[in-house]
Amino acid sequence: MSRAVVLGCIVSAITLLCAERGRAPLLAAEAGSEVARYMPIPIIGHIDEVIPNGLSLCLRQASQNRTIKHIVFRIKSRGGNIEAVEKTMDLLKGHGDRFQYHALVEEAAGPAVCLVVCCDTIHMVEGSVVGGDVAEPGHEVSAALATRIGSMAQAKKHNFTLVRALLLREAQAHAWEDGAGKVHIDPLPPKGVSRDKMILQVGGSALLTLPRDYAMKVGFAKAGVEKAEGLGAAIGLSEWRETMGNYAAGVMNRLRINQKKEAEAKDAHLKQLEVNTQKRKALRQYIEQKQKEAIENDPGRFLYETDDPDDPITEPEMTGASRRRWRERTNECIAAWGCARDAALQLEQLEREALQLGGKRIMSTLALKTICDRATHEIERLEEQRTRCGP
């Protein structure tokens, strides 16, 4: 190997070593200021099956991205379905400590409060309220669920007494300041505390309502945050960045659209069944009416005038007017039986359609077949007797 080649190799090695030494402090600095990444998930409107279904998809996607360690729920809901709330709680529990959850509340009442208090941190925007009456009576939280949620909230270091008072009307909560300005919270009313030191007191008939200022004063919510991007500073994270910002909103929106389409399809289905049922009832009534007309108008049920024959051997014959009346009644009777038969055939088709729509029969196939068979028999009999001349 020539001296020039050896010298070149030495120079290259020295250059590479210097570069690596210069890079080392930079890598250490990046490791010391790790970026905290979060996924925002909107919880807007009525909490129903869309929320746990959408949340499941979002958390699964976030789990696949190791850099995402925080979930921010933007909550604006006045209540919802208890079953959907329980499924949502199970989802959060199922992911263990994979994420830290943060509630950014615009409005939350009833079942929506459950999601708020199960987050690691609670933040409330200006003018926001947690608690109070739900939008839909009958969807309030049960005592059993309140106890479960209270335990989960307590594990997140939220006050158990406040949580129960937010969820149960019979729960009591009292908060007051002592002489040193320290806040105390207890289910029982304090003794010897002046009214001006009381912060809140509720229980017996009303749910606790916490506006933002009161929530912050009793330690329920942390410093007010208006937007998710400002939440990092509130929890002591200088590097705070949103990841997959539109993903969750897109998921929830698609599920809402699908839900609306399914509801519209269901409404159309129910409307179709309702129309079908109305037609079937009307046809049944029509069949009964036509059968009654046919029986009442049967020409054999009436008396007719006859011409006396000149000799006693000849059978008497109906007069011309009587024969015309006989034929008229025969035709009316045949028409009535024909209408009853046609209606029975049409009703059978509608009965089969009703079964396909998930409805139930109002007349059996056997009953309708019996009507058709009788109508056919009566029509044949009447047609044979149409030209009858004698009584």
Protein backbone atom coordinates (compact mmCIF):
# COMPACT_ATOMS: atom_id res chain seq x y z
CA MET A 1 0.00 0.00 0.00
CA SER A 2 1.39 3.44 -0.93
CA ARG A 3 2.14 6.10 1.65
CA ALA A 4 -0.55 8.38 0.10
CA VAL A 5 -3.29 5.79 0.54
CA VAL A 6 -2.37 5.15 4.18
CA LEU A 7 -2.34 8.87 4.89
CA GLY A 8 -5.79 9.26 3.30
CA CYS A 9 -7.26 6.51 5.47
CA ILE A 10 -5.88 8.11 8.63
CA VAL A 11 -7.32 11.51 7.70
CA SER A 12 -10.77 9.98 7.00
CA ALA A 13 -10.82 8.16 10.34
CA ILE A 14 -9.87 11.30 12.26
CA THR A 15 -12.57 13.31 10.45
CA LEU A 16 -15.27 10.70 11.24
CA LEU A 17 -14.25 10.55 14.90
CA CYS A 18 -14.45 14.31 15.26
CA ALA A 19 -17.86 14.38 13.63
CA GLU A 20 -19.24 11.73 16.02
CA ARG A 21 -17.83 13.59 19.05
CA GLY A 22 -19.47 16.78 17.86
CA ARG A 23 -22.81 15.00 17.39
CA ALA A 24 -22.91 13.39 20.84
CA PRO A 25 -23.95 16.51 22.82
CA LEU A 26 -26.76 17.16 20.31
CA LEU A 27 -28.21 13.64 20.71
CA ALA A 28 -28.06 13.97 24.49
CA ALA A 29 -29.91 17.27 24.28
CA GLU A 30 -32.68 15.75 22.12
CA ALA A 31 -33.10 12.85 24.55
CA GLY A 32 -33.36 15.26 27.46
CA SER A 33 -36.20 17.23 25.83
CA GLU A 34 -38.47 14.40 24.64
CA VAL A 35 -41.51 15.58 22.73
CA ALA A 36 -44.85 14.66 24.36
CA ARG A 37 -47.29 13.75 21.61
CA TYR A 38 -51.06 13.60 22.01
CA MET A 39 -54.10 12.57 20.00
CA PRO A 40 -57.21 14.80 20.34
CA ILE A 41 -60.53 12.95 20.45
CA PRO A 42 -63.82 14.89 20.38
CA ILE A 43 -66.68 13.68 22.60
CA ILE A 44 -69.50 15.84 21.28
CA GLY A 45 -73.24 15.55 21.80
CA HIS A 46 -75.22 12.57 23.03
CA ILE A 47 -73.06 9.70 24.26
CA ASP A 48 -74.31 6.60 22.46
CA GLU A 49 -72.75 3.59 20.76
CA VAL A 50 -70.81 5.85 18.38
CA ILE A 51 -68.55 7.02 21.23
CA PRO A 52 -67.20 3.63 22.41
CA ASN A 53 -67.04 2.34 18.83
CA GLY A 54 -65.13 5.39 17.64
CA LEU A 55 -62.97 5.48 20.74
CA SER A 56 -62.01 1.84 20.23
CA LEU A 57 -60.76 2.60 16.70
CA CYS A 58 -58.89 5.71 17.84
CA LEU A 59 -57.15 4.08 20.79
CA ARG A 60 -56.20 1.08 18.68
CA GLN A 61 -54.65 3.38 16.09
CA ALA A 62 -52.88 5.45 18.75
CA SER A 63 -51.52 2.27 20.35
CA GLN A 64 -49.70 1.48 17.12
CA ASN A 65 -47.83 4.79 17.34
CA ARG A 66 -45.35 4.50 20.21
CA THR A 67 -44.77 8.25 20.28
CA ILE A 68 -48.37 8.96 21.32
CA LYS A 69 -48.63 8.81 25.09
CA HIS A 70 -51.43 11.29 25.78
CA ILE A 71 -55.11 11.41 24.80
CA VAL A 72 -57.02 14.69 25.03
CA PHE A 73 -60.82 14.43 25.17
CA ARG A 74 -62.63 17.57 24.09
CA ILE A 75 -65.95 17.03 25.88
CA LYS A 76 -69.23 18.79 25.17
CA SER A 77 -72.11 16.57 26.21
CA ARG A 78 -75.22 16.89 28.36
CA GLY A 79 -75.71 13.16 28.84
CA GLY A 80 -76.15 9.90 27.06
CA ASN A 81 -76.72 6.18 27.20
CA ILE A 82 -75.50 4.45 30.36
CA GLU A 83 -74.52 1.28 28.49
CA ALA A 84 -72.38 3.30 26.07
CA VAL A 85 -70.67 5.02 29.01
CA GLU A 86 -69.87 1.68 30.64
CA LYS A 87 -68.36 0.40 27.38
CA THR A 88 -66.27 3.56 27.22
CA MET A 89 -65.01 3.02 30.77
CA ASP A 90 -64.10 -0.58 29.92
CA LEU A 91 -62.09 0.65 26.92
CA LEU A 92 -60.07 3.07 29.02
CA LYS A 93 -59.47 0.40 31.63
CA GLY A 94 -58.51 -2.13 28.96
CA HIS A 95 -55.62 0.05 27.77
CA GLY A 96 -54.21 0.23 31.29
CA ASP A 97 -51.50 2.85 31.72
CA ARG A 98 -50.62 2.95 28.00
CA PHE A 99 -51.94 6.52 27.82
CA GLN A 100 -52.50 9.48 30.05
CA TYR A 101 -55.99 10.86 29.54
CA HIS A 102 -56.83 14.55 29.78
CA ALA A 103 -60.33 16.06 29.81
CA LEU A 104 -60.80 19.45 28.21
CA VAL A 105 -64.36 20.30 29.16
CA GLU A 106 -66.79 22.68 27.52
CA GLU A 107 -69.84 21.03 29.08
CA ALA A 108 -70.47 17.72 30.82
CA ALA A 109 -73.47 16.35 32.73
CA GLY A 110 -74.76 12.95 33.84
CA PRO A 111 -73.07 10.08 31.98
CA ALA A 112 -70.64 12.52 30.35
CA VAL A 113 -69.23 13.32 33.81
CA CYS A 114 -68.10 9.69 34.08
CA LEU A 115 -65.63 10.20 31.26
CA VAL A 116 -64.40 13.49 32.72
CA VAL A 117 -63.57 12.10 36.17
CA CYS A 118 -61.82 9.01 34.76
CA CYS A 119 -59.17 11.19 33.12
CA ASP A 120 -55.78 11.80 34.72
CA THR A 121 -56.20 15.56 34.53
CA ILE A 122 -59.28 17.76 34.17
CA HIS A 123 -59.24 21.15 32.47
CA MET A 124 -62.17 23.47 31.85
CA VAL A 125 -62.48 26.18 29.23
CA GLU A 126 -63.89 29.57 30.11
CA GLY A 127 -67.64 29.45 30.77
CA SER A 128 -67.67 25.67 31.08
CA VAL A 129 -69.72 23.67 33.60
CA VAL A 130 -69.47 20.13 34.92
CA GLY A 131 -72.50 18.45 36.49
CA GLY A 132 -76.12 19.49 36.79
CA ASP A 133 -79.21 17.95 35.30
CA VAL A 134 -78.93 15.79 32.20
CA ALA A 135 -80.55 16.73 28.92
CA GLU A 136 -82.62 13.54 28.86
CA PRO A 137 -84.36 12.40 32.07
CA GLY A 138 -84.11 8.67 32.64
CA HIS A 139 -80.43 8.51 31.71
CA GLU A 140 -79.01 9.38 35.09
CA VAL A 141 -76.21 7.36 36.64
CA SER A 142 -77.14 4.52 39.03
CA ALA A 143 -75.67 4.19 42.51
CA ALA A 144 -73.71 1.08 41.46
CA LEU A 145 -72.15 2.82 38.46
CA ALA A 146 -71.44 5.93 40.54
CA THR A 147 -69.52 3.79 43.04
CA ARG A 148 -67.49 2.18 40.26
CA ILE A 149 -66.75 5.53 38.64
CA GLY A 150 -65.92 7.02 42.02
CA SER A 151 -63.31 4.33 42.62
CA MET A 152 -61.77 4.89 39.19
CA ALA A 153 -61.75 8.65 39.79
CA GLN A 154 -60.19 8.21 43.22
CA ALA A 155 -57.38 6.20 41.63
CA LYS A 156 -56.77 9.25 39.43
CA LYS A 157 -56.56 11.37 42.59
CA HIS A 158 -59.94 13.08 42.11
CA ASN A 159 -62.09 13.75 45.17
CA PHE A 160 -64.53 10.88 45.75
CA THR A 161 -67.10 13.08 47.53
CA LEU A 162 -67.28 15.56 44.66
CA VAL A 163 -67.53 12.80 42.06
CA ARG A 164 -70.47 11.12 43.82
CA ALA A 165 -72.26 14.47 44.21
CA LEU A 166 -71.83 15.12 40.48
CA LEU A 167 -73.43 11.77 39.66
CA LEU A 168 -76.02 11.07 42.40
CA ARG A 169 -78.80 13.31 43.69
CA GLU A 170 -78.78 11.69 47.12
CA ALA A 171 -75.03 12.26 47.59
CA GLN A 172 -73.91 15.22 49.68
CA ALA A 173 -70.86 17.43 49.30
CA HIS A 174 -69.63 20.38 51.30
CA ALA A 175 -66.53 22.46 50.61
CA TRP A 176 -65.14 25.26 52.75
CA GLU A 177 -61.99 27.20 53.55
CA ASP A 178 -60.36 27.19 56.94
CA GLY A 179 -58.64 30.18 58.49
CA ALA A 180 -55.42 29.46 56.62
CA GLY A 181 -57.22 29.35 53.27
CA LYS A 182 -56.98 25.57 52.92
CA VAL A 183 -59.94 23.93 51.19
CA HIS A 184 -61.72 21.01 52.87
CA ILE A 185 -64.29 18.70 51.25
CA ASP A 186 -66.60 16.36 53.13
CA PRO A 187 -70.02 14.72 52.66
CA LEU A 188 -71.14 16.06 56.05
CA PRO A 189 -71.65 19.76 56.75
CA PRO A 190 -68.86 21.36 58.82
CA LYS A 191 -69.44 22.61 62.33
CA GLY A 192 -68.56 26.10 63.36
CA VAL A 193 -67.78 27.33 59.85
CA SER A 194 -69.21 30.70 58.92
CA ARG A 195 -71.28 31.06 55.77
CA ASP A 196 -68.71 33.27 54.08
CA LYS A 197 -66.17 30.43 54.32
CA MET A 198 -68.44 27.94 52.54
CA ILE A 199 -67.57 27.35 48.90
CA LEU A 200 -70.35 24.91 48.04
CA GLN A 201 -72.92 22.63 49.61
CA VAL A 202 -75.28 20.25 47.87
CA GLY A 203 -77.18 17.06 48.56
CA GLY A 204 -80.53 15.39 48.96
CA SER A 205 -82.30 16.46 45.78
CA ALA A 206 -80.00 18.15 43.28
CA LEU A 207 -76.88 17.15 41.41
CA LEU A 208 -73.72 19.12 42.07
CA THR A 209 -72.99 21.77 39.45
CA LEU A 210 -69.41 23.02 39.13
CA PRO A 211 -68.71 26.12 37.04
CA ARG A 212 -65.04 26.47 36.08
CA ASP A 213 -64.08 28.94 38.83
CA TYR A 214 -65.58 26.78 41.57
CA ALA A 215 -64.08 23.63 40.07
CA MET A 216 -60.63 25.17 40.14
CA LYS A 217 -61.10 26.55 43.64
CA VAL A 218 -61.93 23.14 45.13
CA GLY A 219 -59.16 21.44 43.15
CA PHE A 220 -61.45 19.50 40.83
CA ALA A 221 -59.97 21.10 37.71
CA LYS A 222 -56.47 22.36 36.99
CA ALA A 223 -55.56 25.71 35.50
CA GLY A 224 -57.96 26.80 32.80
CA VAL A 225 -57.00 25.82 29.26
CA GLU A 226 -58.85 26.96 26.16
CA LYS A 227 -57.29 24.70 23.54
CA ALA A 228 -55.63 21.30 23.48
CA GLU A 229 -52.33 22.78 22.29
CA GLY A 230 -52.12 24.81 25.51
CA LEU A 231 -52.68 21.84 27.79
CA GLY A 232 -49.04 20.71 27.78
CA ALA A 233 -47.85 23.79 29.66
CA ALA A 234 -50.61 23.30 32.23
CA ILE A 235 -49.29 19.83 33.09
CA GLY A 236 -45.62 20.81 32.99
CA LEU A 237 -44.66 19.58 29.53
CA SER A 238 -42.71 22.09 27.47
CA GLU A 239 -42.63 20.00 24.27
CA TRP A 240 -46.28 19.21 23.51
CA ARG A 241 -47.36 18.33 19.98
CA GLU A 242 -50.52 17.09 18.35
CA THR A 243 -50.35 13.87 16.33
CA MET A 244 -53.01 12.51 13.95
CA GLY A 245 -55.08 15.57 14.74
CA ASN A 246 -57.88 14.94 12.27
CA TYR A 247 -58.03 11.17 12.60
CA ALA A 248 -60.38 10.92 15.59
CA ALA A 249 -62.69 13.66 14.34
CA GLY A 250 -62.89 11.87 10.99
CA VAL A 251 -63.68 8.54 12.66
CA MET A 252 -66.43 10.03 14.82
CA ASN A 253 -67.88 11.90 11.86
CA ARG A 254 -67.98 8.78 9.66
CA LEU A 255 -69.63 6.78 12.43
CA ARG A 256 -72.22 9.53 12.92
CA ILE A 257 -72.96 9.56 9.20
CA ASN A 258 -73.31 5.77 9.16
CA GLN A 259 -75.51 5.94 12.25
CA LYS A 260 -77.75 8.49 10.55
CA LYS A 261 -78.00 6.35 7.42
CA GLU A 262 -78.86 3.29 9.49
CA ALA A 263 -81.47 5.24 11.43
CA GLU A 264 -82.99 6.54 8.20
CA ALA A 265 -83.02 3.03 6.74
CA LYS A 266 -84.64 1.72 9.92
CA ASP A 267 -87.25 4.48 9.84
CA ALA A 268 -87.97 3.70 6.20
CA HIS A 269 -88.25 0.01 7.06
CA LEU A 270 -90.64 0.69 9.94
CA LYS A 271 -92.65 3.04 7.74
CA GLN A 272 -92.87 0.36 5.07
CA LEU A 273 -94.07 -2.17 7.65
CA GLU A 274 -96.57 0.35 9.01
CA VAL A 275 -97.99 0.99 5.53
CA ASN A 276 -98.08 -2.76 4.90
CA THR A 277 -99.98 -3.35 8.15
CA GLN A 278 -102.51 -0.65 7.35
CA LYS A 279 -103.12 -2.18 3.91
CA ARG A 280 -103.54 -5.65 5.41
CA LYS A 281 -106.04 -4.46 7.99
CA ALA A 282 -107.99 -2.59 5.35
CA LEU A 283 -108.03 -5.68 3.10
CA ARG A 284 -109.20 -7.91 5.93
CA GLN A 285 -112.05 -5.53 6.62
CA TYR A 286 -112.84 -5.35 2.90
CA ILE A 287 -112.93 -9.16 2.62
CA GLU A 288 -115.34 -9.38 5.54
CA GLN A 289 -117.52 -6.69 3.98
CA LYS A 290 -117.64 -8.38 0.55
CA GLN A 291 -118.40 -11.78 2.05
CA LYS A 292 -121.27 -10.24 3.99
CA GLU A 293 -122.58 -8.51 0.83
CA ALA A 294 -122.37 -11.75 -1.15
CA ILE A 295 -124.27 -13.73 1.47
CA GLU A 296 -126.93 -11.06 1.98
CA ASN A 297 -127.46 -10.57 -1.77
CA ASP A 298 -127.65 -14.25 -2.66
CA PRO A 299 -130.64 -14.46 -5.02
CA GLY A 300 -131.86 -17.66 -3.37
CA ARG A 301 -132.69 -15.75 -0.16
CA PHE A 302 -135.52 -13.73 -1.77
CA LEU A 303 -139.12 -14.40 -2.93
CA TYR A 304 -140.15 -13.77 -6.55
CA GLU A 305 -143.45 -13.31 -8.38
CA THR A 306 -144.49 -16.06 -10.80
CA ASP A 307 -146.95 -16.43 -13.65
CA ASP A 308 -149.68 -19.02 -13.00
CA PRO A 309 -149.60 -21.64 -15.79
CA ASP A 310 -152.76 -22.46 -17.73
CA ASP A 311 -152.55 -26.12 -16.86
CA PRO A 312 -151.71 -27.62 -13.44
CA ILE A 313 -148.88 -29.79 -14.81
CA THR A 314 -146.61 -26.94 -15.98
CA GLU A 315 -144.23 -25.53 -13.35
CA PRO A 316 -144.81 -21.84 -12.56
CA GLU A 317 -142.22 -19.42 -13.97
CA MET A 318 -140.97 -16.11 -12.63
CA THR A 319 -142.28 -13.01 -14.17
CA GLY A 320 -140.05 -11.01 -16.47
CA ALA A 321 -139.39 -8.44 -13.75
CA SER A 322 -138.51 -11.20 -11.26
CA ARG A 323 -136.10 -12.81 -13.71
CA ARG A 324 -134.35 -9.49 -14.23
CA ARG A 325 -134.09 -9.02 -10.49
CA TRP A 326 -132.75 -12.58 -10.11
CA ARG A 327 -130.01 -11.92 -12.66
CA GLU A 328 -129.13 -8.56 -11.08
CA ARG A 329 -128.75 -10.14 -7.65
CA THR A 330 -126.79 -13.02 -9.12
CA ASN A 331 -124.37 -10.62 -10.82
CA GLU A 332 -124.00 -8.56 -7.62
CA CYS A 333 -123.34 -11.69 -5.63
CA ILE A 334 -120.79 -13.01 -8.14
CA ALA A 335 -119.01 -9.63 -8.13
CA ALA A 336 -118.90 -9.56 -4.32
CA TRP A 337 -117.45 -13.07 -4.12
CA GLY A 338 -114.94 -12.17 -6.84
CA CYS A 339 -113.83 -9.08 -4.93
CA ALA A 340 -113.44 -11.12 -1.74
CA ARG A 341 -111.33 -13.71 -3.58
CA ASP A 342 -109.10 -11.10 -5.25
CA ALA A 343 -108.61 -9.31 -1.94
CA ALA A 344 -107.69 -12.58 -0.23
CA LEU A 345 -105.03 -13.27 -2.87
CA GLN A 346 -103.67 -9.74 -2.50
CA LEU A 347 -103.69 -10.05 1.28
CA GLU A 348 -101.64 -13.25 1.09
CA GLN A 349 -98.96 -11.38 -0.88
CA LEU A 350 -98.93 -8.60 1.72
CA GLU A 351 -98.74 -11.15 4.55
CA ARG A 352 -95.60 -12.64 2.99
CA GLU A 353 -94.13 -9.18 2.55
CA ALA A 354 -94.86 -8.44 6.21
CA LEU A 355 -92.93 -11.53 7.28
CA GLN A 356 -89.93 -10.36 5.23
CA LEU A 357 -90.17 -6.98 6.97
CA GLY A 358 -90.17 -8.64 10.38
CA GLY A 359 -93.90 -8.31 11.00
CA LYS A 360 -96.52 -10.87 11.96
CA ARG A 361 -99.49 -12.27 10.06
CA ILE A 362 -103.00 -11.06 10.80
CA MET A 363 -104.56 -13.88 8.74
CA SER A 364 -103.13 -17.33 8.14
CA THR A 365 -102.54 -18.83 4.70
CA LEU A 366 -105.13 -21.51 5.49
CA ALA A 367 -107.81 -18.93 6.35
CA LEU A 368 -107.17 -17.02 3.13
CA LYS A 369 -107.17 -20.20 1.04
CA THR A 370 -110.51 -21.17 2.59
CA ILE A 371 -111.97 -17.81 1.56
CA CYS A 372 -110.67 -18.23 -2.00
CA ASP A 373 -112.01 -21.79 -2.30
CA ARG A 374 -115.44 -20.81 -1.00
CA ALA A 375 -115.59 -17.79 -3.30
CA THR A 376 -114.74 -19.96 -6.32
CA HIS A 377 -117.38 -22.51 -5.36
CA GLU A 378 -120.06 -19.85 -4.86
CA ILE A 379 -119.25 -18.13 -8.16
CA GLU A 380 -119.54 -21.42 -10.06
CA ARG A 381 -122.88 -22.17 -8.37
CA LEU A 382 -124.27 -18.73 -9.13
CA GLU A 383 -123.17 -18.80 -12.77
CA GLU A 384 -124.98 -22.14 -13.25
CA GLN A 385 -128.20 -20.65 -11.82
CA ARG A 386 -127.92 -17.27 -13.58
CA THR A 387 -130.61 -18.06 -16.20
CA ARG A 388 -133.05 -19.74 -13.82
CA CYS A 389 -136.70 -19.14 -14.71
CA GLY A 390 -138.59 -21.02 -12.02
CA PRO A 391 -138.77 -20.39 -8.27
